[in-house]
Amino acid sequence: MKSAKLYSQRGGRLIWMTHKDELAKYGFGIGARFNVELSEGKIVLRADPAGSRKITDKKGKPVLCVIGKGITAAFGHEQDGRIDILDAQCKKGEIVLTG
């Protein structure tokens, strides 16, 4: 994975990644838990068996969704319907998204 999409909807921002983003290859398979670290213009997703978030299952395929005020604060919000492309650096157990 070289990039990820950052969506704008309902006044906020969200990251939505699926099997097409090769999540399982980096340790983010169905049921895997992870934590999110946010800073301005950067999101770090770190696999953690005791993590506060969980990869969900949609028709047998992994889905990772991160939404909330933290994402909006880190990347700002201009208008609904906007999609930005973030650079992705991936290794086993970690996905770093920057924009």
N, C-alpha and C. Protein backbone atom coordinates (compact mmCIF):
# COMPACT_ATOMS: atom_id res chain seq x y z
N MET A 1 0.85 -1.17 0.00
CA MET A 1 0.00 0.00 0.00
C MET A 1 0.90 1.24 0.00
N LYS A 2 0.62 2.13 -0.92
CA LYS A 2 1.41 3.35 -1.02
C LYS A 2 0.62 4.59 -0.63
N SER A 3 -0.72 4.43 -0.58
CA SER A 3 -1.56 5.57 -0.22
C SER A 3 -2.87 5.08 0.39
N ALA A 4 -3.57 6.02 1.02
CA ALA A 4 -4.89 5.74 1.60
C ALA A 4 -5.75 6.98 1.39
N LYS A 5 -7.05 6.79 1.38
CA LYS A 5 -7.96 7.91 1.16
C LYS A 5 -8.47 8.44 2.50
N LEU A 6 -8.52 9.76 2.59
CA LEU A 6 -9.07 10.47 3.74
C LEU A 6 -10.35 11.14 3.26
N TYR A 7 -11.47 10.69 3.76
CA TYR A 7 -12.78 11.16 3.32
C TYR A 7 -13.31 12.27 4.22
N SER A 8 -14.19 13.11 3.67
CA SER A 8 -14.90 14.13 4.44
C SER A 8 -16.38 13.85 4.30
N GLN A 9 -17.05 13.75 5.46
CA GLN A 9 -18.50 13.57 5.43
C GLN A 9 -19.10 14.00 6.75
N ARG A 10 -20.29 14.53 6.70
CA ARG A 10 -21.04 14.95 7.88
C ARG A 10 -20.21 15.84 8.82
N GLY A 11 -19.44 16.73 8.25
CA GLY A 11 -18.68 17.68 9.04
C GLY A 11 -17.41 17.15 9.66
N GLY A 12 -16.99 15.94 9.31
CA GLY A 12 -15.78 15.36 9.89
C GLY A 12 -14.96 14.61 8.85
N ARG A 13 -13.87 14.01 9.31
CA ARG A 13 -12.97 13.25 8.43
C ARG A 13 -12.92 11.80 8.87
N LEU A 14 -12.61 10.90 7.94
CA LEU A 14 -12.47 9.49 8.28
C LEU A 14 -11.54 8.77 7.32
N ILE A 15 -10.91 7.73 7.84
CA ILE A 15 -10.06 6.83 7.06
C ILE A 15 -10.85 5.53 6.93
N TRP A 16 -10.91 4.99 5.74
CA TRP A 16 -11.61 3.72 5.48
C TRP A 16 -10.69 2.89 4.60
N MET A 17 -10.23 1.76 5.13
CA MET A 17 -9.35 0.89 4.35
C MET A 17 -9.93 -0.53 4.37
N THR A 18 -9.70 -1.27 3.28
CA THR A 18 -10.25 -2.62 3.13
C THR A 18 -9.17 -3.60 2.70
N HIS A 19 -9.61 -4.83 2.39
CA HIS A 19 -8.69 -5.87 1.92
C HIS A 19 -7.89 -5.41 0.71
N LYS A 20 -8.46 -4.51 -0.07
CA LYS A 20 -7.75 -4.01 -1.25
C LYS A 20 -6.48 -3.25 -0.87
N ASP A 21 -6.43 -2.78 0.38
CA ASP A 21 -5.26 -2.07 0.88
C ASP A 21 -4.24 -3.02 1.52
N GLU A 22 -4.47 -4.32 1.37
CA GLU A 22 -3.56 -5.36 1.88
C GLU A 22 -3.37 -5.28 3.40
N LEU A 23 -4.45 -5.03 4.12
CA LEU A 23 -4.37 -4.88 5.58
C LEU A 23 -3.76 -6.09 6.26
N ALA A 24 -4.20 -7.28 5.90
CA ALA A 24 -3.73 -8.51 6.58
C ALA A 24 -2.22 -8.69 6.41
N LYS A 25 -1.69 -8.26 5.29
CA LYS A 25 -0.26 -8.38 5.02
C LYS A 25 0.57 -7.65 6.07
N TYR A 26 -0.01 -6.62 6.67
CA TYR A 26 0.71 -5.81 7.66
C TYR A 26 0.25 -6.08 9.09
N GLY A 27 -0.50 -7.18 9.30
CA GLY A 27 -0.91 -7.55 10.65
C GLY A 27 -2.25 -6.98 11.08
N PHE A 28 -3.05 -6.50 10.12
CA PHE A 28 -4.35 -5.91 10.43
C PHE A 28 -5.47 -6.75 9.82
N GLY A 29 -5.49 -8.04 10.16
CA GLY A 29 -6.53 -8.94 9.66
C GLY A 29 -7.80 -8.83 10.48
N ILE A 30 -8.83 -9.53 10.06
CA ILE A 30 -10.12 -9.51 10.75
C ILE A 30 -9.93 -9.84 12.23
N GLY A 31 -10.51 -9.02 13.09
CA GLY A 31 -10.45 -9.23 14.53
C GLY A 31 -9.20 -8.68 15.20
N ALA A 32 -8.21 -8.27 14.43
CA ALA A 32 -6.98 -7.71 15.01
C ALA A 32 -7.31 -6.40 15.71
N ARG A 33 -6.64 -6.15 16.80
CA ARG A 33 -6.84 -4.91 17.53
C ARG A 33 -5.67 -3.96 17.26
N PHE A 34 -5.94 -2.67 17.38
CA PHE A 34 -4.91 -1.67 17.10
C PHE A 34 -5.19 -0.38 17.84
N ASN A 35 -4.18 0.46 17.92
CA ASN A 35 -4.31 1.79 18.50
C ASN A 35 -4.02 2.83 17.44
N VAL A 36 -4.51 4.03 17.68
CA VAL A 36 -4.32 5.14 16.75
C VAL A 36 -3.58 6.26 17.47
N GLU A 37 -2.53 6.77 16.85
CA GLU A 37 -1.81 7.93 17.37
C GLU A 37 -1.96 9.04 16.34
N LEU A 38 -2.42 10.20 16.80
CA LEU A 38 -2.68 11.32 15.90
C LEU A 38 -1.79 12.51 16.24
N SER A 39 -1.31 13.17 15.21
CA SER A 39 -0.65 14.46 15.35
C SER A 39 -0.99 15.24 14.10
N GLU A 40 -0.64 16.50 14.04
CA GLU A 40 -1.03 17.31 12.89
C GLU A 40 -0.48 16.73 11.59
N GLY A 41 -1.39 16.35 10.70
CA GLY A 41 -1.00 15.82 9.40
C GLY A 41 -0.47 14.40 9.41
N LYS A 42 -0.64 13.67 10.51
CA LYS A 42 -0.09 12.31 10.59
C LYS A 42 -0.97 11.40 11.45
N ILE A 43 -1.15 10.16 10.96
CA ILE A 43 -1.87 9.12 11.70
C ILE A 43 -0.97 7.90 11.74
N VAL A 44 -0.78 7.34 12.92
CA VAL A 44 -0.03 6.09 13.07
C VAL A 44 -1.00 5.04 13.59
N LEU A 45 -1.15 3.96 12.84
CA LEU A 45 -1.98 2.82 13.24
C LEU A 45 -1.01 1.72 13.67
N ARG A 46 -1.12 1.30 14.93
CA ARG A 46 -0.17 0.33 15.47
C ARG A 46 -0.93 -0.89 16.00
N ALA A 47 -0.59 -2.06 15.45
CA ALA A 47 -1.21 -3.31 15.91
C ALA A 47 -0.88 -3.52 17.38
N ASP A 48 -1.89 -3.93 18.16
CA ASP A 48 -1.72 -4.13 19.60
C ASP A 48 -2.83 -5.06 20.06
N PRO A 49 -2.49 -6.25 20.58
CA PRO A 49 -3.52 -7.20 21.02
C PRO A 49 -4.49 -6.60 22.05
N ALA A 50 -4.05 -5.58 22.78
CA ALA A 50 -4.91 -4.93 23.77
C ALA A 50 -5.41 -3.57 23.25
N GLY A 51 -5.32 -3.35 21.95
CA GLY A 51 -5.70 -2.07 21.36
C GLY A 51 -7.15 -1.69 21.57
N SER A 52 -7.42 -0.41 21.50
CA SER A 52 -8.77 0.11 21.75
C SER A 52 -9.69 0.00 20.54
N ARG A 53 -9.14 -0.29 19.38
CA ARG A 53 -9.95 -0.42 18.16
C ARG A 53 -9.76 -1.81 17.55
N LYS A 54 -10.70 -2.17 16.68
CA LYS A 54 -10.70 -3.54 16.14
C LYS A 54 -11.01 -3.52 14.65
N ILE A 55 -10.32 -4.38 13.90
CA ILE A 55 -10.60 -4.57 12.48
C ILE A 55 -11.90 -5.35 12.37
N THR A 56 -12.86 -4.83 11.61
CA THR A 56 -14.14 -5.50 11.48
C THR A 56 -14.17 -6.41 10.26
N ASP A 57 -15.24 -7.16 10.17
CA ASP A 57 -15.42 -8.16 9.12
C ASP A 57 -16.60 -7.75 8.25
N LYS A 58 -16.35 -7.53 6.98
CA LYS A 58 -17.43 -7.25 6.04
C LYS A 58 -17.37 -8.29 4.94
N LYS A 59 -18.30 -9.23 4.99
CA LYS A 59 -18.37 -10.32 4.02
C LYS A 59 -17.06 -11.10 3.95
N GLY A 60 -16.47 -11.36 5.11
CA GLY A 60 -15.26 -12.16 5.18
C GLY A 60 -13.98 -11.43 4.83
N LYS A 61 -14.05 -10.11 4.71
CA LYS A 61 -12.87 -9.31 4.36
C LYS A 61 -12.65 -8.24 5.42
N PRO A 62 -11.38 -7.91 5.72
CA PRO A 62 -11.09 -6.92 6.77
C PRO A 62 -11.43 -5.48 6.35
N VAL A 63 -11.96 -4.73 7.34
CA VAL A 63 -12.25 -3.32 7.13
C VAL A 63 -11.71 -2.54 8.33
N LEU A 64 -10.94 -1.51 8.05
CA LEU A 64 -10.39 -0.64 9.08
C LEU A 64 -11.00 0.74 8.89
N CYS A 65 -11.67 1.23 9.92
CA CYS A 65 -12.29 2.55 9.86
C CYS A 65 -11.86 3.35 11.08
N VAL A 66 -11.36 4.54 10.84
CA VAL A 66 -10.98 5.44 11.93
C VAL A 66 -11.72 6.76 11.67
N ILE A 67 -12.55 7.14 12.63
CA ILE A 67 -13.35 8.35 12.50
C ILE A 67 -13.36 9.05 13.85
N GLY A 68 -13.49 10.34 13.85
CA GLY A 68 -13.59 11.05 15.11
C GLY A 68 -13.03 12.46 15.04
N LYS A 69 -13.18 13.17 16.14
CA LYS A 69 -12.73 14.55 16.21
C LYS A 69 -11.21 14.66 16.05
N GLY A 70 -10.48 13.64 16.50
CA GLY A 70 -9.03 13.67 16.40
C GLY A 70 -8.55 13.70 14.96
N ILE A 71 -9.20 12.91 14.10
CA ILE A 71 -8.85 12.88 12.66
C ILE A 71 -9.14 14.25 12.05
N THR A 72 -10.30 14.80 12.39
CA THR A 72 -10.67 16.11 11.85
C THR A 72 -9.70 17.18 12.32
N ALA A 73 -9.30 17.13 13.60
CA ALA A 73 -8.35 18.11 14.13
C ALA A 73 -6.98 17.96 13.46
N ALA A 74 -6.57 16.74 13.19
CA ALA A 74 -5.24 16.50 12.60
C ALA A 74 -5.17 16.94 11.13
N PHE A 75 -6.29 16.84 10.41
CA PHE A 75 -6.26 17.12 8.97
C PHE A 75 -7.19 18.25 8.53
N GLY A 76 -7.98 18.78 9.44
CA GLY A 76 -8.90 19.86 9.09
C GLY A 76 -10.07 19.37 8.25
N HIS A 77 -11.07 20.23 8.08
CA HIS A 77 -12.25 19.90 7.29
C HIS A 77 -12.68 21.14 6.53
N GLU A 78 -12.76 21.03 5.22
CA GLU A 78 -13.18 22.17 4.40
C GLU A 78 -14.61 22.00 3.89
N GLN A 79 -14.93 20.81 3.40
CA GLN A 79 -16.27 20.57 2.87
C GLN A 79 -16.53 19.08 2.78
N ASP A 80 -17.80 18.70 2.92
CA ASP A 80 -18.19 17.31 2.76
C ASP A 80 -17.99 16.88 1.32
N GLY A 81 -17.70 15.60 1.13
CA GLY A 81 -17.52 15.05 -0.21
C GLY A 81 -16.09 15.12 -0.71
N ARG A 82 -15.23 15.75 0.05
CA ARG A 82 -13.82 15.87 -0.36
C ARG A 82 -13.07 14.58 -0.02
N ILE A 83 -12.19 14.15 -0.92
CA ILE A 83 -11.34 12.99 -0.70
C ILE A 83 -9.90 13.41 -0.93
N ASP A 84 -9.07 13.24 0.11
CA ASP A 84 -7.65 13.54 -0.01
C ASP A 84 -6.87 12.23 -0.01
N ILE A 85 -5.76 12.21 -0.68
CA ILE A 85 -4.89 11.03 -0.73
C ILE A 85 -3.73 11.24 0.24
N LEU A 86 -3.56 10.30 1.16
CA LEU A 86 -2.46 10.36 2.12
C LEU A 86 -1.38 9.37 1.70
N ASP A 87 -0.13 9.74 1.91
CA ASP A 87 0.97 8.81 1.69
C ASP A 87 0.95 7.76 2.79
N ALA A 88 1.25 6.52 2.44
CA ALA A 88 1.27 5.42 3.41
C ALA A 88 2.63 4.75 3.44
N GLN A 89 3.16 4.57 4.64
CA GLN A 89 4.37 3.79 4.85
C GLN A 89 3.97 2.63 5.75
N CYS A 90 4.19 1.42 5.27
CA CYS A 90 3.71 0.24 5.98
C CYS A 90 4.83 -0.73 6.30
N LYS A 91 4.71 -1.34 7.45
CA LYS A 91 5.56 -2.45 7.83
C LYS A 91 4.73 -3.31 8.77
N LYS A 92 5.19 -4.49 9.06
CA LYS A 92 4.42 -5.41 9.89
C LYS A 92 4.05 -4.73 11.21
N GLY A 93 2.75 -4.65 11.47
CA GLY A 93 2.27 -4.09 12.73
C GLY A 93 2.14 -2.58 12.78
N GLU A 94 2.41 -1.89 11.66
CA GLU A 94 2.34 -0.44 11.69
C GLU A 94 2.04 0.14 10.31
N ILE A 95 1.11 1.10 10.30
CA ILE A 95 0.79 1.85 9.09
C ILE A 95 0.86 3.33 9.47
N VAL A 96 1.70 4.08 8.75
CA VAL A 96 1.84 5.51 9.00
C VAL A 96 1.29 6.25 7.79
N LEU A 97 0.29 7.13 8.05
CA LEU A 97 -0.33 7.91 6.99
C LEU A 97 0.00 9.38 7.19
N THR A 98 0.47 10.03 6.15
CA THR A 98 0.81 11.45 6.23
C THR A 98 0.22 12.19 5.02
N GLY A 99 -0.08 13.46 5.25
CA GLY A 99 -0.65 14.22 4.16
C GLY A 99 -0.23 15.65 4.17
